[in-house]
Amino acid sequence: MKKTPSIIAAALVLGAAPAFAGSATPAAPEPVIEQAAPVPFSSPDWTGFYGGAQLGYANIDTSAGGDDDGFIGGLTAGYDFDLGQWVVGGGLDYDFADISIAGGAADLESVFRAKLRGGYKIGNGLLYATGGYALADTNTLGSDDGYFIGAGYEYLINQSFSVGGEVLYHEFDNYNSSGVDVDATTVQVRGTFRF
């Protein structure tokens, strides 16, 4: 009868084994966490009106001699149309100045521009070329029309505001029938509100 305690002990161990092994119901599977798909980059929409201010520097050369420079700045407004990766638009600029030209023969007082531009979107920025009609006004030589060409870069801070810079080359041949040719280069920075 010495075997009885060991048989009872073995039966107790075997009977208790399921209790140590866990529940008879299978455990719920752990949830699978899927990585979110990356959101594709979409560039901002440039379509709409804009208006703002600009400030910069102008260098003016004349065939009569003299290389004059000074500050120039004013207002800008226009409309852009977003074509996907490309943007086209038109605008108007009006700059004030007080720059002596032609060795002091006159002072440049203002420049008006009617412009077209077209550019390629790079992220939130727009790299563009521009050109159009320019009208310069002086205090003694009157006003004359010419043309300009140039390039610029504009960056959208958000859909309502952008900053940028622009370099323009202007040419006024035979300024107001004076026999003097005038060339001007402007470099300006700008801030525009977009609507």
C-alpha atoms as a PDB file:
ATOM      1  CA  MET A   1       0.000   0.000   0.000  1.00  0.00           C
ATOM      2  CA  LYS A   2       2.935   2.296  -0.260  1.00  0.00           C
ATOM      3  CA  LYS A   3       2.035   2.866  -3.893  1.00  0.00           C
ATOM      4  CA  THR A   4      -1.297   4.517  -3.084  1.00  0.00           C
ATOM      5  CA  PRO A   5       0.060   7.896  -2.004  1.00  0.00           C
ATOM      6  CA  SER A   6       2.232   8.119  -5.128  1.00  0.00           C
ATOM      7  CA  ILE A   7      -0.699   7.159  -7.408  1.00  0.00           C
ATOM      8  CA  ILE A   8      -2.890   9.774  -5.731  1.00  0.00           C
ATOM      9  CA  ALA A   9      -0.140  12.352  -6.067  1.00  0.00           C
ATOM     10  CA  ALA A  10       0.277  11.542  -9.786  1.00  0.00           C
ATOM     11  CA  ALA A  11      -3.487  11.786 -10.356  1.00  0.00           C
ATOM     12  CA  LEU A  12      -3.595  15.168  -8.636  1.00  0.00           C
ATOM     13  CA  VAL A  13      -0.707  16.459 -10.744  1.00  0.00           C
ATOM     14  CA  LEU A  14      -2.299  15.245 -13.973  1.00  0.00           C
ATOM     15  CA  GLY A  15      -5.681  16.600 -12.972  1.00  0.00           C
ATOM     16  CA  ALA A  16      -4.273  19.980 -12.185  1.00  0.00           C
ATOM     17  CA  ALA A  17      -2.233  20.207 -15.406  1.00  0.00           C
ATOM     18  CA  PRO A  18      -5.020  21.848 -17.469  1.00  0.00           C
ATOM     19  CA  ALA A  19      -5.367  24.532 -14.786  1.00  0.00           C
ATOM     20  CA  PHE A  20      -1.688  25.418 -15.147  1.00  0.00           C
ATOM     21  CA  ALA A  21      -1.817  25.261 -18.930  1.00  0.00           C
ATOM     22  CA  GLY A  22      -4.474  27.964 -19.261  1.00  0.00           C
ATOM     23  CA  SER A  23      -8.070  28.123 -20.407  1.00  0.00           C
ATOM     24  CA  ALA A  24      -9.558  25.574 -22.788  1.00  0.00           C
ATOM     25  CA  THR A  25     -10.811  28.435 -25.037  1.00  0.00           C
ATOM     26  CA  PRO A  26      -8.223  29.686 -27.531  1.00  0.00           C
ATOM     27  CA  ALA A  27      -6.741  33.142 -26.939  1.00  0.00           C
ATOM     28  CA  ALA A  28      -7.932  35.956 -29.198  1.00  0.00           C
ATOM     29  CA  PRO A  29      -5.396  36.747 -31.899  1.00  0.00           C
ATOM     30  CA  GLU A  30      -3.400  39.941 -31.412  1.00  0.00           C
ATOM     31  CA  PRO A  31      -4.547  42.792 -33.687  1.00  0.00           C
ATOM     32  CA  VAL A  32      -2.430  43.399 -36.757  1.00  0.00           C
ATOM     33  CA  ILE A  33      -1.320  47.017 -37.032  1.00  0.00           C
ATOM     34  CA  GLU A  34      -1.006  48.049 -40.631  1.00  0.00           C
ATOM     35  CA  GLN A  35       1.256  50.906 -41.633  1.00  0.00           C
ATOM     36  CA  ALA A  36      -0.702  53.812 -43.083  1.00  0.00           C
ATOM     37  CA  ALA A  37      -0.128  54.429 -46.759  1.00  0.00           C
ATOM     38  CA  PRO A  38       1.816  57.645 -47.399  1.00  0.00           C
ATOM     39  CA  VAL A  39      -0.313  60.576 -48.479  1.00  0.00           C
ATOM     40  CA  PRO A  40       0.740  61.637 -51.975  1.00  0.00           C
ATOM     41  CA  PHE A  41       2.198  65.164 -52.199  1.00  0.00           C
ATOM     42  CA  SER A  42      -0.098  67.643 -53.847  1.00  0.00           C
ATOM     43  CA  SER A  43       1.157  71.071 -54.777  1.00  0.00           C
ATOM     44  CA  PRO A  44      -0.949  74.107 -53.864  1.00  0.00           C
ATOM     45  CA  ASP A  45      -3.435  75.673 -56.255  1.00  0.00           C
ATOM     46  CA  TRP A  46      -2.239  79.012 -57.664  1.00  0.00           C
ATOM     47  CA  THR A  47      -5.531  79.943 -59.333  1.00  0.00           C
ATOM     48  CA  GLY A  48      -6.903  83.298 -58.211  1.00  0.00           C
ATOM     49  CA  PHE A  49      -6.329  87.014 -57.783  1.00  0.00           C
ATOM     50  CA  TYR A  50      -3.407  88.483 -55.851  1.00  0.00           C
ATOM     51  CA  GLY A  51      -2.318  91.924 -54.692  1.00  0.00           C
ATOM     52  CA  GLY A  52       0.616  93.218 -52.706  1.00  0.00           C
ATOM     53  CA  ALA A  53       3.689  95.407 -52.488  1.00  0.00           C
ATOM     54  CA  GLN A  54       7.255  95.239 -53.756  1.00  0.00           C
ATOM     55  CA  LEU A  55      10.529  96.989 -53.001  1.00  0.00           C
ATOM     56  CA  GLY A  56      13.938  96.874 -54.612  1.00  0.00           C
ATOM     57  CA  TYR A  57      16.781  98.446 -56.507  1.00  0.00           C
ATOM     58  CA  ALA A  58      17.035  99.872 -60.047  1.00  0.00           C
ATOM     59  CA  ASN A  59      20.122 100.456 -62.176  1.00  0.00           C
ATOM     60  CA  ILE A  60      19.613 102.788 -65.168  1.00  0.00           C
ATOM     61  CA  ASP A  61      21.967 103.307 -68.137  1.00  0.00           C
ATOM     62  CA  THR A  62      21.475 105.856 -70.924  1.00  0.00           C
ATOM     63  CA  SER A  63      23.125 106.334 -74.285  1.00  0.00           C
ATOM     64  CA  ALA A  64      23.779 109.946 -73.199  1.00  0.00           C
ATOM     65  CA  GLY A  65      26.104 108.684 -70.480  1.00  0.00           C
ATOM     66  CA  GLY A  66      25.644 107.986 -66.845  1.00  0.00           C
ATOM     67  CA  ASP A  67      24.999 104.902 -64.787  1.00  0.00           C
ATOM     68  CA  ASP A  68      22.461 105.800 -62.120  1.00  0.00           C
ATOM     69  CA  ASP A  69      20.764 103.720 -59.456  1.00  0.00           C
ATOM     70  CA  GLY A  70      18.369 103.947 -56.546  1.00  0.00           C
ATOM     71  CA  PHE A  71      15.419 102.454 -54.742  1.00  0.00           C
ATOM     72  CA  ILE A  72      12.199 101.553 -56.497  1.00  0.00           C
ATOM     73  CA  GLY A  73       8.997 100.111 -55.091  1.00  0.00           C
ATOM     74  CA  GLY A  74       5.268 100.043 -55.363  1.00  0.00           C
ATOM     75  CA  LEU A  75       2.187  97.907 -55.825  1.00  0.00           C
ATOM     76  CA  THR A  76       1.452  94.734 -57.771  1.00  0.00           C
ATOM     77  CA  ALA A  77      -1.783  92.929 -58.648  1.00  0.00           C
ATOM     78  CA  GLY A  78      -2.825  90.170 -61.002  1.00  0.00           C
ATOM     79  CA  TYR A  79      -4.469  86.838 -61.660  1.00  0.00           C
ATOM     80  CA  ASP A  80      -2.918  83.362 -62.008  1.00  0.00           C
ATOM     81  CA  PHE A  81      -4.394  80.227 -63.519  1.00  0.00           C
ATOM     82  CA  ASP A  82      -3.101  76.826 -62.364  1.00  0.00           C
ATOM     83  CA  LEU A  83      -2.847  74.259 -65.197  1.00  0.00           C
ATOM     84  CA  GLY A  84      -1.497  71.401 -63.065  1.00  0.00           C
ATOM     85  CA  GLN A  85       2.298  71.543 -63.083  1.00  0.00           C
ATOM     86  CA  TRP A  86       2.311  74.867 -64.980  1.00  0.00           C
ATOM     87  CA  VAL A  87       0.915  78.284 -64.029  1.00  0.00           C
ATOM     88  CA  VAL A  88       0.108  81.181 -66.379  1.00  0.00           C
ATOM     89  CA  GLY A  89      -1.126  84.634 -65.502  1.00  0.00           C
ATOM     90  CA  GLY A  90      -1.188  88.346 -66.057  1.00  0.00           C
ATOM     91  CA  GLY A  91      -0.656  91.333 -63.835  1.00  0.00           C
ATOM     92  CA  LEU A  92      -0.023  95.039 -63.359  1.00  0.00           C
ATOM     93  CA  ASP A  93       2.793  96.765 -61.446  1.00  0.00           C
ATOM     94  CA  TYR A  94       3.126 100.407 -60.495  1.00  0.00           C
ATOM     95  CA  ASP A  95       6.465 101.463 -58.990  1.00  0.00           C
ATOM     96  CA  PHE A  96       7.477 104.809 -57.524  1.00  0.00           C
ATOM     97  CA  ALA A  97      11.065 106.045 -57.837  1.00  0.00           C
ATOM     98  CA  ASP A  98      13.243 109.126 -57.494  1.00  0.00           C
ATOM     99  CA  ILE A  99      16.349 108.217 -59.491  1.00  0.00           C
ATOM    100  CA  SER A 100      18.453 110.816 -61.300  1.00  0.00           C
ATOM    101  CA  ILE A 101      19.193 109.739 -64.893  1.00  0.00           C
ATOM    102  CA  ALA A 102      21.272 110.980 -67.844  1.00  0.00           C
ATOM    103  CA  GLY A 103      23.724 112.846 -65.632  1.00  0.00           C
ATOM    104  CA  GLY A 104      20.963 114.705 -63.798  1.00  0.00           C
ATOM    105  CA  ALA A 105      19.022 115.713 -66.923  1.00  0.00           C
ATOM    106  CA  ALA A 106      15.904 114.054 -65.484  1.00  0.00           C
ATOM    107  CA  ASP A 107      14.560 112.056 -62.577  1.00  0.00           C
ATOM    108  CA  LEU A 108      12.723 108.778 -63.066  1.00  0.00           C
ATOM    109  CA  GLU A 109       9.516 109.136 -61.062  1.00  0.00           C
ATOM    110  CA  SER A 110       7.482 106.010 -61.850  1.00  0.00           C
ATOM    111  CA  VAL A 111       7.265 102.822 -63.925  1.00  0.00           C
ATOM    112  CA  PHE A 112       4.039 101.097 -64.939  1.00  0.00           C
ATOM    113  CA  ARG A 113       4.049  97.508 -66.252  1.00  0.00           C
ATOM    114  CA  ALA A 114       1.434  95.260 -67.870  1.00  0.00           C
ATOM    115  CA  LYS A 115       2.853  91.773 -67.726  1.00  0.00           C
ATOM    116  CA  LEU A 116       2.312  88.159 -68.667  1.00  0.00           C
ATOM    117  CA  ARG A 117       4.018  85.327 -66.852  1.00  0.00           C
ATOM    118  CA  GLY A 118       4.309  81.582 -67.101  1.00  0.00           C
ATOM    119  CA  GLY A 119       6.082  79.205 -64.796  1.00  0.00           C
ATOM    120  CA  TYR A 120       6.708  75.721 -63.476  1.00  0.00           C
ATOM    121  CA  LYS A 121       5.714  74.627 -59.970  1.00  0.00           C
ATOM    122  CA  ILE A 122       8.442  73.278 -57.690  1.00  0.00           C
ATOM    123  CA  GLY A 123       6.790  72.138 -54.451  1.00  0.00           C
ATOM    124  CA  ASN A 124       5.206  75.254 -52.935  1.00  0.00           C
ATOM    125  CA  GLY A 125       7.214  77.513 -55.243  1.00  0.00           C
ATOM    126  CA  LEU A 126       6.820  78.844 -58.763  1.00  0.00           C
ATOM    127  CA  LEU A 127       9.798  79.514 -61.044  1.00  0.00           C
ATOM    128  CA  TYR A 128       8.613  81.765 -63.866  1.00  0.00           C
ATOM    129  CA  ALA A 129       9.508  83.952 -66.847  1.00  0.00           C
ATOM    130  CA  THR A 130       7.756  87.237 -67.470  1.00  0.00           C
ATOM    131  CA  GLY A 131       7.576  90.038 -69.992  1.00  0.00           C
ATOM    132  CA  GLY A 132       5.376  92.792 -71.319  1.00  0.00           C
ATOM    133  CA  TYR A 133       4.758  96.490 -71.735  1.00  0.00           C
ATOM    134  CA  ALA A 134       6.451  99.192 -69.632  1.00  0.00           C
ATOM    135  CA  LEU A 135       5.758 102.935 -69.327  1.00  0.00           C
ATOM    136  CA  ALA A 136       8.360 105.129 -67.626  1.00  0.00           C
ATOM    137  CA  ASP A 137       7.674 108.681 -66.451  1.00  0.00           C
ATOM    138  CA  THR A 138      10.250 111.395 -65.681  1.00  0.00           C
ATOM    139  CA  ASN A 139      10.017 114.920 -64.326  1.00  0.00           C
ATOM    140  CA  THR A 140      11.575 116.732 -67.326  1.00  0.00           C
ATOM    141  CA  LEU A 141      11.728 114.304 -70.287  1.00  0.00           C
ATOM    142  CA  GLY A 142       8.088 113.235 -70.099  1.00  0.00           C
ATOM    143  CA  SER A 143       7.034 109.614 -70.408  1.00  0.00           C
ATOM    144  CA  ASP A 144       7.774 106.887 -72.910  1.00  0.00           C
ATOM    145  CA  ASP A 145       6.772 103.306 -73.493  1.00  0.00           C
ATOM    146  CA  GLY A 146       9.010 100.296 -73.926  1.00  0.00           C
ATOM    147  CA  TYR A 147       9.168  96.655 -72.975  1.00  0.00           C
ATOM    148  CA  PHE A 148      10.639  94.415 -70.309  1.00  0.00           C
ATOM    149  CA  ILE A 149      11.605  90.771 -69.870  1.00  0.00           C
ATOM    150  CA  GLY A 150      12.673  88.913 -66.775  1.00  0.00           C
ATOM    151  CA  ALA A 151      12.355  86.014 -64.385  1.00  0.00           C
ATOM    152  CA  GLY A 152      11.279  85.406 -60.825  1.00  0.00           C
ATOM    153  CA  TYR A 153      10.510  82.956 -58.068  1.00  0.00           C
ATOM    154  CA  GLU A 154       7.474  83.025 -55.784  1.00  0.00           C
ATOM    155  CA  TYR A 155       6.825  80.830 -52.738  1.00  0.00           C
ATOM    156  CA  LEU A 156       3.434  80.172 -51.162  1.00  0.00           C
ATOM    157  CA  ILE A 157       3.705  80.468 -47.372  1.00  0.00           C
ATOM    158  CA  ASN A 158       0.053  79.319 -47.303  1.00  0.00           C
ATOM    159  CA  GLN A 159      -2.899  79.582 -49.687  1.00  0.00           C
ATOM    160  CA  SER A 160      -3.397  83.235 -48.659  1.00  0.00           C
ATOM    161  CA  PHE A 161       0.130  84.711 -48.752  1.00  0.00           C
ATOM    162  CA  SER A 162       3.239  84.421 -50.901  1.00  0.00           C
ATOM    163  CA  VAL A 163       6.712  85.974 -51.003  1.00  0.00           C
ATOM    164  CA  GLY A 164       9.033  86.221 -53.958  1.00  0.00           C
ATOM    165  CA  GLY A 165      11.696  87.999 -55.932  1.00  0.00           C
ATOM    166  CA  GLU A 166      11.975  89.213 -59.503  1.00  0.00           C
ATOM    167  CA  VAL A 167      14.681  90.523 -61.852  1.00  0.00           C
ATOM    168  CA  LEU A 168      13.535  92.598 -64.859  1.00  0.00           C
ATOM    169  CA  TYR A 169      15.374  94.182 -67.781  1.00  0.00           C
ATOM    170  CA  HIS A 170      13.648  97.235 -69.349  1.00  0.00           C
ATOM    171  CA  GLU A 171      14.392  98.965 -72.641  1.00  0.00           C
ATOM    172  CA  PHE A 172      13.156 102.369 -73.824  1.00  0.00           C
ATOM    173  CA  ASP A 173      14.569 103.231 -77.281  1.00  0.00           C
ATOM    174  CA  ASN A 174      14.730 106.900 -78.322  1.00  0.00           C
ATOM    175  CA  TYR A 175      13.095 107.992 -75.074  1.00  0.00           C
ATOM    176  CA  ASN A 176      10.239 110.386 -75.933  1.00  0.00           C
ATOM    177  CA  SER A 177      11.941 111.246 -79.270  1.00  0.00           C
ATOM    178  CA  SER A 178      14.934 112.663 -77.362  1.00  0.00           C
ATOM    179  CA  GLY A 179      17.484 110.525 -79.208  1.00  0.00           C
ATOM    180  CA  VAL A 180      18.482 108.931 -75.886  1.00  0.00           C
ATOM    181  CA  ASP A 181      18.107 105.197 -75.311  1.00  0.00           C
ATOM    182  CA  VAL A 182      17.393 104.111 -71.733  1.00  0.00           C
ATOM    183  CA  ASP A 183      17.997 100.638 -70.281  1.00  0.00           C
ATOM    184  CA  ALA A 184      17.025  99.716 -66.731  1.00  0.00           C
ATOM    185  CA  THR A 185      17.445  96.618 -64.593  1.00  0.00           C
ATOM    186  CA  THR A 186      15.360  96.166 -61.452  1.00  0.00           C
ATOM    187  CA  VAL A 187      15.705  93.624 -58.645  1.00  0.00           C
ATOM    188  CA  GLN A 188      12.749  93.497 -56.261  1.00  0.00           C
ATOM    189  CA  VAL A 189      11.276  91.405 -53.453  1.00  0.00           C
ATOM    190  CA  ARG A 190       7.533  91.238 -52.910  1.00  0.00           C
ATOM    191  CA  GLY A 191       4.808  90.014 -50.641  1.00  0.00           C
ATOM    192  CA  THR A 192       1.315  89.290 -51.996  1.00  0.00           C
ATOM    193  CA  PHE A 193      -2.029  88.360 -50.527  1.00  0.00           C
ATOM    194  CA  ARG A 194      -3.916  85.788 -52.599  1.00  0.00           C
ATOM    195  CA  PHE A 195      -7.712  85.690 -52.896  1.00  0.00           C
END
